[in-house]
Amino acid sequence: MDSHTYTLPATPKQVAYARSLALRNQTLLPWDVQQDRRSLSAWIEVQARLKPVSEFDRLPSSKQMAFAERLARVKQRAVPEECFRDKGLMSKWIDGNK
C-alpha cells in the first residue's frame, strides 16, 4: 500500500465564498489555503463565525465622546475633529488629557 495522501483541489464555489468572507472580514485569503479543499473548508468555518467588520466599529462610543467633551471643557481645549472619526485616537486623546 502506498502511504501517499492526495489532496483534492478547492471547488470554484468554495473559493468564491472564501473570497467573499475575506472581503467581509477584511482579511487575506492565503494562497496555500486555496489549493486544498480541506484547508479551505477549515478556513471558511473560522471566518464564517467572525463578526463582520463595520465602519461603525471604528467610531468612538457616545459615552467616550461625552467624556472627551467634558474633559475638553475642564481643560479649556477642543477635541480634535479626527478623534470623532476613530475610537483609537479618541482613547489616546482622553488618556493624554485626564
N, C-alpha and C. Protein backbone atom coordinates (compact mmCIF):
# COMPACT_ATOMS: atom_id res chain seq x y z
N MET A 1 0.83 -1.17 0.00
CA MET A 1 0.00 0.00 0.00
C MET A 1 0.88 1.24 0.00
N ASP A 2 0.48 2.20 -0.77
CA ASP A 2 1.17 3.49 -0.78
C ASP A 2 0.70 4.33 0.39
N SER A 3 1.61 5.05 0.96
CA SER A 3 1.24 5.91 2.07
C SER A 3 1.04 7.36 1.60
N HIS A 4 0.83 7.54 0.30
CA HIS A 4 0.62 8.87 -0.26
C HIS A 4 -0.77 9.37 0.10
N THR A 5 -0.83 10.62 0.43
CA THR A 5 -2.14 11.23 0.65
C THR A 5 -2.39 12.20 -0.50
N TYR A 6 -3.57 12.16 -1.00
CA TYR A 6 -3.93 13.02 -2.12
C TYR A 6 -4.83 14.14 -1.63
N THR A 7 -4.54 15.32 -2.11
CA THR A 7 -5.37 16.45 -1.74
C THR A 7 -6.27 16.79 -2.92
N LEU A 8 -7.49 17.08 -2.61
CA LEU A 8 -8.44 17.50 -3.63
C LEU A 8 -8.39 19.01 -3.76
N PRO A 9 -8.46 19.51 -4.98
CA PRO A 9 -8.45 20.97 -5.13
C PRO A 9 -9.76 21.58 -4.63
N ALA A 10 -9.70 22.80 -4.22
CA ALA A 10 -10.89 23.50 -3.77
C ALA A 10 -11.83 23.72 -4.95
N THR A 11 -13.12 23.70 -4.67
CA THR A 11 -14.10 23.93 -5.73
C THR A 11 -14.22 25.42 -6.01
N PRO A 12 -14.64 25.77 -7.21
CA PRO A 12 -14.83 27.20 -7.52
C PRO A 12 -15.82 27.88 -6.56
N LYS A 13 -16.86 27.16 -6.14
CA LYS A 13 -17.84 27.73 -5.20
C LYS A 13 -17.18 28.00 -3.85
N GLN A 14 -16.32 27.08 -3.40
CA GLN A 14 -15.61 27.28 -2.14
C GLN A 14 -14.74 28.53 -2.20
N VAL A 15 -13.99 28.65 -3.29
CA VAL A 15 -13.08 29.78 -3.44
C VAL A 15 -13.87 31.10 -3.49
N ALA A 16 -14.98 31.10 -4.22
CA ALA A 16 -15.80 32.32 -4.31
C ALA A 16 -16.35 32.71 -2.94
N TYR A 17 -16.83 31.73 -2.19
CA TYR A 17 -17.37 32.01 -0.86
C TYR A 17 -16.26 32.49 0.08
N ALA A 18 -15.10 31.85 0.00
CA ALA A 18 -13.97 32.25 0.84
C ALA A 18 -13.54 33.68 0.52
N ARG A 19 -13.55 34.05 -0.75
CA ARG A 19 -13.18 35.42 -1.12
C ARG A 19 -14.18 36.43 -0.59
N SER A 20 -15.46 36.06 -0.62
CA SER A 20 -16.47 36.98 -0.09
C SER A 20 -16.31 37.14 1.42
N LEU A 21 -15.96 36.05 2.12
CA LEU A 21 -15.70 36.14 3.57
C LEU A 21 -14.47 36.99 3.86
N ALA A 22 -13.44 36.84 3.04
CA ALA A 22 -12.22 37.62 3.22
C ALA A 22 -12.51 39.11 3.06
N LEU A 23 -13.34 39.46 2.08
CA LEU A 23 -13.72 40.86 1.90
C LEU A 23 -14.55 41.36 3.08
N ARG A 24 -15.51 40.56 3.50
CA ARG A 24 -16.39 40.93 4.60
C ARG A 24 -15.60 41.16 5.88
N ASN A 25 -14.64 40.28 6.16
CA ASN A 25 -13.86 40.34 7.39
C ASN A 25 -12.58 41.16 7.25
N GLN A 26 -12.35 41.69 6.06
CA GLN A 26 -11.15 42.48 5.76
C GLN A 26 -9.89 41.74 6.17
N THR A 27 -9.77 40.53 5.65
CA THR A 27 -8.60 39.69 5.94
C THR A 27 -8.08 39.11 4.62
N LEU A 28 -6.90 38.57 4.68
CA LEU A 28 -6.31 37.95 3.49
C LEU A 28 -6.68 36.48 3.42
N LEU A 29 -6.91 36.02 2.21
CA LEU A 29 -7.16 34.60 1.96
C LEU A 29 -5.84 34.01 1.47
N PRO A 30 -5.14 33.25 2.31
CA PRO A 30 -3.82 32.72 1.92
C PRO A 30 -3.89 31.82 0.68
N TRP A 31 -2.89 31.95 -0.15
CA TRP A 31 -2.83 31.19 -1.40
C TRP A 31 -2.77 29.69 -1.12
N ASP A 32 -1.96 29.27 -0.16
CA ASP A 32 -1.81 27.84 0.11
C ASP A 32 -3.12 27.22 0.62
N VAL A 33 -3.93 28.01 1.30
CA VAL A 33 -5.23 27.51 1.79
C VAL A 33 -6.16 27.27 0.61
N GLN A 34 -6.06 28.08 -0.42
CA GLN A 34 -6.94 27.95 -1.58
C GLN A 34 -6.64 26.70 -2.42
N GLN A 35 -5.51 26.08 -2.18
CA GLN A 35 -5.10 24.95 -3.00
C GLN A 35 -5.66 23.61 -2.53
N ASP A 36 -6.16 23.56 -1.31
CA ASP A 36 -6.61 22.30 -0.71
C ASP A 36 -8.04 22.44 -0.20
N ARG A 37 -8.89 21.51 -0.58
CA ARG A 37 -10.30 21.57 -0.21
C ARG A 37 -10.52 21.54 1.30
N ARG A 38 -9.79 20.69 1.99
CA ARG A 38 -9.95 20.59 3.45
C ARG A 38 -9.45 21.83 4.17
N SER A 39 -8.31 22.33 3.75
CA SER A 39 -7.76 23.55 4.37
C SER A 39 -8.69 24.73 4.16
N LEU A 40 -9.22 24.84 2.95
CA LEU A 40 -10.12 25.95 2.66
C LEU A 40 -11.42 25.82 3.45
N SER A 41 -11.90 24.61 3.59
CA SER A 41 -13.11 24.38 4.38
C SER A 41 -12.91 24.80 5.83
N ALA A 42 -11.77 24.46 6.41
CA ALA A 42 -11.46 24.84 7.78
C ALA A 42 -11.34 26.36 7.91
N TRP A 43 -10.71 27.01 6.93
CA TRP A 43 -10.56 28.46 6.93
C TRP A 43 -11.93 29.13 6.85
N ILE A 44 -12.80 28.60 6.00
CA ILE A 44 -14.15 29.13 5.85
C ILE A 44 -14.92 29.03 7.16
N GLU A 45 -14.82 27.90 7.84
CA GLU A 45 -15.53 27.72 9.12
C GLU A 45 -15.14 28.80 10.12
N VAL A 46 -13.85 29.07 10.23
CA VAL A 46 -13.36 30.07 11.19
C VAL A 46 -13.85 31.46 10.78
N GLN A 47 -13.72 31.80 9.50
CA GLN A 47 -14.09 33.13 9.03
C GLN A 47 -15.59 33.37 9.09
N ALA A 48 -16.39 32.34 8.86
CA ALA A 48 -17.84 32.49 8.88
C ALA A 48 -18.35 32.81 10.28
N ARG A 49 -17.63 32.37 11.32
CA ARG A 49 -18.04 32.63 12.70
C ARG A 49 -17.70 34.04 13.16
N LEU A 50 -16.77 34.69 12.46
CA LEU A 50 -16.34 36.03 12.87
C LEU A 50 -17.41 37.06 12.58
N LYS A 51 -17.46 38.06 13.45
CA LYS A 51 -18.38 39.18 13.26
C LYS A 51 -17.82 40.06 12.15
N PRO A 52 -18.64 40.49 11.20
CA PRO A 52 -18.14 41.34 10.12
C PRO A 52 -17.61 42.68 10.65
N VAL A 53 -16.57 43.17 10.01
CA VAL A 53 -16.01 44.46 10.37
C VAL A 53 -16.91 45.53 9.78
N SER A 54 -17.27 46.50 10.58
CA SER A 54 -18.16 47.56 10.14
C SER A 54 -17.48 48.91 10.29
N GLU A 55 -17.93 49.87 9.50
CA GLU A 55 -17.42 51.23 9.63
C GLU A 55 -17.71 51.78 11.02
N PHE A 56 -18.85 51.38 11.59
CA PHE A 56 -19.25 51.88 12.89
C PHE A 56 -18.38 51.31 14.01
N ASP A 57 -17.70 50.20 13.78
CA ASP A 57 -16.83 49.63 14.80
C ASP A 57 -15.64 50.53 15.12
N ARG A 58 -15.29 51.40 14.17
CA ARG A 58 -14.14 52.28 14.38
C ARG A 58 -14.52 53.59 15.04
N LEU A 59 -15.80 53.91 15.07
CA LEU A 59 -16.23 55.17 15.66
C LEU A 59 -16.23 55.10 17.17
N PRO A 60 -15.94 56.22 17.84
CA PRO A 60 -15.98 56.23 19.31
C PRO A 60 -17.43 56.10 19.79
N SER A 61 -17.59 55.55 20.98
CA SER A 61 -18.93 55.40 21.54
C SER A 61 -19.45 56.76 22.00
N SER A 62 -20.75 56.82 22.21
CA SER A 62 -21.33 58.09 22.67
C SER A 62 -20.81 58.45 24.06
N LYS A 63 -20.59 57.44 24.91
CA LYS A 63 -20.04 57.70 26.24
C LYS A 63 -18.62 58.25 26.15
N GLN A 64 -17.84 57.69 25.22
CA GLN A 64 -16.46 58.13 25.04
C GLN A 64 -16.44 59.59 24.55
N MET A 65 -17.35 59.93 23.62
CA MET A 65 -17.40 61.30 23.11
C MET A 65 -17.84 62.28 24.20
N ALA A 66 -18.84 61.88 24.99
CA ALA A 66 -19.32 62.76 26.06
C ALA A 66 -18.22 63.00 27.09
N PHE A 67 -17.48 61.95 27.44
CA PHE A 67 -16.39 62.08 28.41
C PHE A 67 -15.31 63.01 27.86
N ALA A 68 -14.98 62.85 26.60
CA ALA A 68 -13.95 63.69 25.97
C ALA A 68 -14.40 65.15 25.96
N GLU A 69 -15.67 65.39 25.68
CA GLU A 69 -16.17 66.76 25.67
C GLU A 69 -16.16 67.38 27.07
N ARG A 70 -16.46 66.58 28.09
CA ARG A 70 -16.37 67.08 29.47
C ARG A 70 -14.93 67.43 29.81
N LEU A 71 -14.00 66.54 29.44
CA LEU A 71 -12.58 66.82 29.68
C LEU A 71 -12.15 68.09 28.95
N ALA A 72 -12.61 68.26 27.72
CA ALA A 72 -12.23 69.42 26.93
C ALA A 72 -12.71 70.71 27.60
N ARG A 73 -13.94 70.68 28.15
CA ARG A 73 -14.45 71.87 28.84
C ARG A 73 -13.61 72.19 30.08
N VAL A 74 -13.28 71.14 30.85
CA VAL A 74 -12.48 71.34 32.07
C VAL A 74 -11.09 71.87 31.71
N LYS A 75 -10.49 71.29 30.67
CA LYS A 75 -9.12 71.69 30.28
C LYS A 75 -9.10 72.91 29.36
N GLN A 76 -10.30 73.39 28.99
CA GLN A 76 -10.44 74.52 28.07
C GLN A 76 -9.68 74.29 26.77
N ARG A 77 -9.94 73.11 26.20
CA ARG A 77 -9.34 72.70 24.92
C ARG A 77 -10.45 72.15 24.04
N ALA A 78 -10.14 72.05 22.78
CA ALA A 78 -11.08 71.44 21.85
C ALA A 78 -10.62 70.01 21.56
N VAL A 79 -11.58 69.14 21.40
CA VAL A 79 -11.26 67.78 20.99
C VAL A 79 -10.99 67.83 19.49
N PRO A 80 -9.84 67.32 19.02
CA PRO A 80 -9.54 67.35 17.59
C PRO A 80 -10.62 66.60 16.78
N GLU A 81 -10.94 67.16 15.64
CA GLU A 81 -12.00 66.62 14.79
C GLU A 81 -11.76 65.16 14.40
N GLU A 82 -10.51 64.79 14.14
CA GLU A 82 -10.22 63.40 13.73
C GLU A 82 -10.52 62.39 14.84
N CYS A 83 -10.55 62.84 16.09
CA CYS A 83 -10.86 61.95 17.20
C CYS A 83 -12.31 61.47 17.15
N PHE A 84 -13.17 62.26 16.53
CA PHE A 84 -14.58 61.88 16.43
C PHE A 84 -14.80 60.83 15.33
N ARG A 85 -13.76 60.54 14.56
CA ARG A 85 -13.87 59.53 13.48
C ARG A 85 -13.14 58.23 13.79
N ASP A 86 -12.39 58.19 14.91
CA ASP A 86 -11.62 56.99 15.23
C ASP A 86 -11.56 56.80 16.74
N LYS A 87 -12.07 55.66 17.21
CA LYS A 87 -12.10 55.44 18.67
C LYS A 87 -10.71 55.27 19.27
N GLY A 88 -9.75 54.80 18.49
CA GLY A 88 -8.38 54.67 18.99
C GLY A 88 -7.77 56.04 19.26
N LEU A 89 -7.98 56.97 18.32
CA LEU A 89 -7.47 58.33 18.51
C LEU A 89 -8.17 59.01 19.68
N MET A 90 -9.49 58.78 19.78
CA MET A 90 -10.24 59.37 20.88
C MET A 90 -9.72 58.86 22.22
N SER A 91 -9.45 57.57 22.29
CA SER A 91 -8.93 56.98 23.51
C SER A 91 -7.58 57.58 23.89
N LYS A 92 -6.71 57.76 22.89
CA LYS A 92 -5.40 58.36 23.16
C LYS A 92 -5.54 59.81 23.62
N TRP A 93 -6.48 60.53 23.00
CA TRP A 93 -6.68 61.92 23.40
C TRP A 93 -7.18 61.99 24.85
N ILE A 94 -8.12 61.12 25.19
CA ILE A 94 -8.65 61.08 26.55
C ILE A 94 -7.54 60.76 27.55
N ASP A 95 -6.74 59.74 27.24
CA ASP A 95 -5.65 59.35 28.14
C ASP A 95 -4.65 60.48 28.34
N GLY A 96 -4.41 61.25 27.29
CA GLY A 96 -3.45 62.34 27.38
C GLY A 96 -4.00 63.59 28.05
N ASN A 97 -5.31 63.64 28.25
CA ASN A 97 -5.91 64.85 28.81
C ASN A 97 -6.65 64.61 30.12
N LYS A 98 -6.42 63.49 30.77
CA LYS A 98 -7.07 63.21 32.06
C LYS A 98 -6.49 64.08 33.13
